[in-house]
């Protein structure tokens, strides 16, 4: 799923941290970074952060409950 124009960056990573399964960031090169890892979170922030918001990320979640959490975050907290 693509997420765009995220201003609540802490909320996004708090939501990812609350997921029970693996959540990955797909880079422009097609690499997948495990966003449950703090190091990967910092790398993704460094690459995607611009002007106080994340313009676009592609996320992959495998657990249906986690997908629901991420979608709910996007609806409520963008």
C-alpha atoms as a PDB file:
ATOM      1  CA  UNK A   1       0.000   0.000   0.000  1.00  0.00           C
ATOM      2  CA  UNK A   2       1.198   3.506  -0.742  1.00  0.00           C
ATOM      3  CA  UNK A   3       0.882   6.113   1.968  1.00  0.00           C
ATOM      4  CA  UNK A   4       1.266   9.764   1.109  1.00  0.00           C
ATOM      5  CA  UNK A   5       1.596  13.119   2.841  1.00  0.00           C
ATOM      6  CA  UNK A   6       2.098  11.754   6.346  1.00  0.00           C
ATOM      7  CA  UNK A   7       2.469  14.602   8.833  1.00  0.00           C
ATOM      8  CA  UNK A   8       2.088  12.516  12.008  1.00  0.00           C
ATOM      9  CA  UNK A   9       5.358  10.637  11.586  1.00  0.00           C
ATOM     10  CA  UNK A  10       5.600   9.576  15.230  1.00  0.00           C
ATOM     11  CA  UNK A  11       2.043   8.239  15.027  1.00  0.00           C
ATOM     12  CA  UNK A  12       2.918   6.236  11.910  1.00  0.00           C
ATOM     13  CA  UNK A  13       5.908   4.573  13.588  1.00  0.00           C
ATOM     14  CA  UNK A  14       3.928   4.021  16.807  1.00  0.00           C
ATOM     15  CA  UNK A  15       1.308   2.242  14.694  1.00  0.00           C
ATOM     16  CA  UNK A  16       3.994   0.170  12.970  1.00  0.00           C
ATOM     17  CA  UNK A  17       5.514  -0.709  16.373  1.00  0.00           C
ATOM     18  CA  UNK A  18       2.088  -1.932  17.551  1.00  0.00           C
ATOM     19  CA  UNK A  19       1.767  -4.326  14.602  1.00  0.00           C
ATOM     20  CA  UNK A  20       2.266  -7.989  15.435  1.00  0.00           C
ATOM     21  CA  UNK A  21       3.610  -9.081  12.052  1.00  0.00           C
ATOM     22  CA  UNK A  22       6.286  -7.873   9.709  1.00  0.00           C
ATOM     23  CA  UNK A  23       5.850  -4.439   8.122  1.00  0.00           C
ATOM     24  CA  UNK A  24       8.231  -3.516   5.325  1.00  0.00           C
ATOM     25  CA  UNK A  25       9.147  -0.354   3.472  1.00  0.00           C
ATOM     26  CA  UNK A  26       9.679  -0.892  -0.256  1.00  0.00           C
ATOM     27  CA  UNK A  27      12.432   1.417  -1.511  1.00  0.00           C
ATOM     28  CA  UNK A  28      12.561   2.971  -4.972  1.00  0.00           C
ATOM     29  CA  UNK A  29      15.105   0.282  -5.891  1.00  0.00           C
ATOM     30  CA  UNK A  30      12.721  -2.498  -4.814  1.00  0.00           C
ATOM     31  CA  UNK A  31      14.570  -3.369  -1.602  1.00  0.00           C
ATOM     32  CA  UNK A  32      12.455  -4.166   1.457  1.00  0.00           C
ATOM     33  CA  UNK A  33      13.363  -2.812   4.884  1.00  0.00           C
ATOM     34  CA  UNK A  34      11.822  -4.253   8.034  1.00  0.00           C
ATOM     35  CA  UNK A  35      10.171  -1.256   9.712  1.00  0.00           C
ATOM     36  CA  UNK A  36       9.913  -3.078  13.020  1.00  0.00           C
ATOM     37  CA  UNK A  37      13.660  -2.383  13.249  1.00  0.00           C
ATOM     38  CA  UNK A  38      14.522   1.025  14.731  1.00  0.00           C
ATOM     39  CA  UNK A  39      17.546   1.276  12.434  1.00  0.00           C
ATOM     40  CA  UNK A  40      15.343   0.785   9.379  1.00  0.00           C
ATOM     41  CA  UNK A  41      12.916   3.381  10.730  1.00  0.00           C
ATOM     42  CA  UNK A  42      15.739   5.919  10.978  1.00  0.00           C
ATOM     43  CA  UNK A  43      16.985   5.078   7.481  1.00  0.00           C
ATOM     44  CA  UNK A  44      13.492   5.467   6.037  1.00  0.00           C
ATOM     45  CA  UNK A  45      13.069   8.774   7.842  1.00  0.00           C
ATOM     46  CA  UNK A  46      16.344  10.071   6.456  1.00  0.00           C
ATOM     47  CA  UNK A  47      15.333   9.106   2.919  1.00  0.00           C
ATOM     48  CA  UNK A  48      11.689  10.161   3.004  1.00  0.00           C
ATOM     49  CA  UNK A  49      11.527  13.091   5.416  1.00  0.00           C
ATOM     50  CA  UNK A  50      11.081  16.462   3.782  1.00  0.00           C
ATOM     51  CA  UNK A  51       9.612  19.659   5.178  1.00  0.00           C
ATOM     52  CA  UNK A  52       7.975  18.088   8.236  1.00  0.00           C
ATOM     53  CA  UNK A  53       6.167  15.323   6.393  1.00  0.00           C
ATOM     54  CA  UNK A  54       6.702  12.094   4.516  1.00  0.00           C
ATOM     55  CA  UNK A  55       5.571  12.623   0.945  1.00  0.00           C
ATOM     56  CA  UNK A  56       5.251   8.966  -0.058  1.00  0.00           C
ATOM     57  CA  UNK A  57       6.075   5.505   1.268  1.00  0.00           C
ATOM     58  CA  UNK A  58       5.192   2.068  -0.006  1.00  0.00           C
ATOM     59  CA  UNK A  59       4.459  -0.308   2.860  1.00  0.00           C
ATOM     60  CA  UNK A  60       3.838  -4.049   2.862  1.00  0.00           C
ATOM     61  CA  UNK A  61       2.150  -5.720   5.844  1.00  0.00           C
ATOM     62  CA  UNK A  62       1.436  -9.439   5.944  1.00  0.00           C
ATOM     63  CA  UNK A  63      -0.964  -9.770   8.879  1.00  0.00           C
ATOM     64  CA  UNK A  64      -4.555  -8.748   8.006  1.00  0.00           C
ATOM     65  CA  UNK A  65      -4.971  -7.139  11.454  1.00  0.00           C
ATOM     66  CA  UNK A  66      -1.854  -5.037  10.835  1.00  0.00           C
ATOM     67  CA  UNK A  67      -3.159  -3.943   7.435  1.00  0.00           C
ATOM     68  CA  UNK A  68      -6.358  -2.832   9.148  1.00  0.00           C
ATOM     69  CA  UNK A  69      -4.347  -0.853  11.758  1.00  0.00           C
ATOM     70  CA  UNK A  70      -2.313   0.903   9.084  1.00  0.00           C
ATOM     71  CA  UNK A  71      -5.389   1.746   7.022  1.00  0.00           C
ATOM     72  CA  UNK A  72      -7.137   3.094  10.128  1.00  0.00           C
ATOM     73  CA  UNK A  73      -4.090   5.252  10.897  1.00  0.00           C
ATOM     74  CA  UNK A  74      -4.189   6.665   7.371  1.00  0.00           C
ATOM     75  CA  UNK A  75      -7.878   7.536   7.714  1.00  0.00           C
ATOM     76  CA  UNK A  76      -7.612   9.062  11.204  1.00  0.00           C
ATOM     77  CA  UNK A  77      -4.154  10.621  11.473  1.00  0.00           C
ATOM     78  CA  UNK A  78      -2.759  11.627   8.132  1.00  0.00           C
END
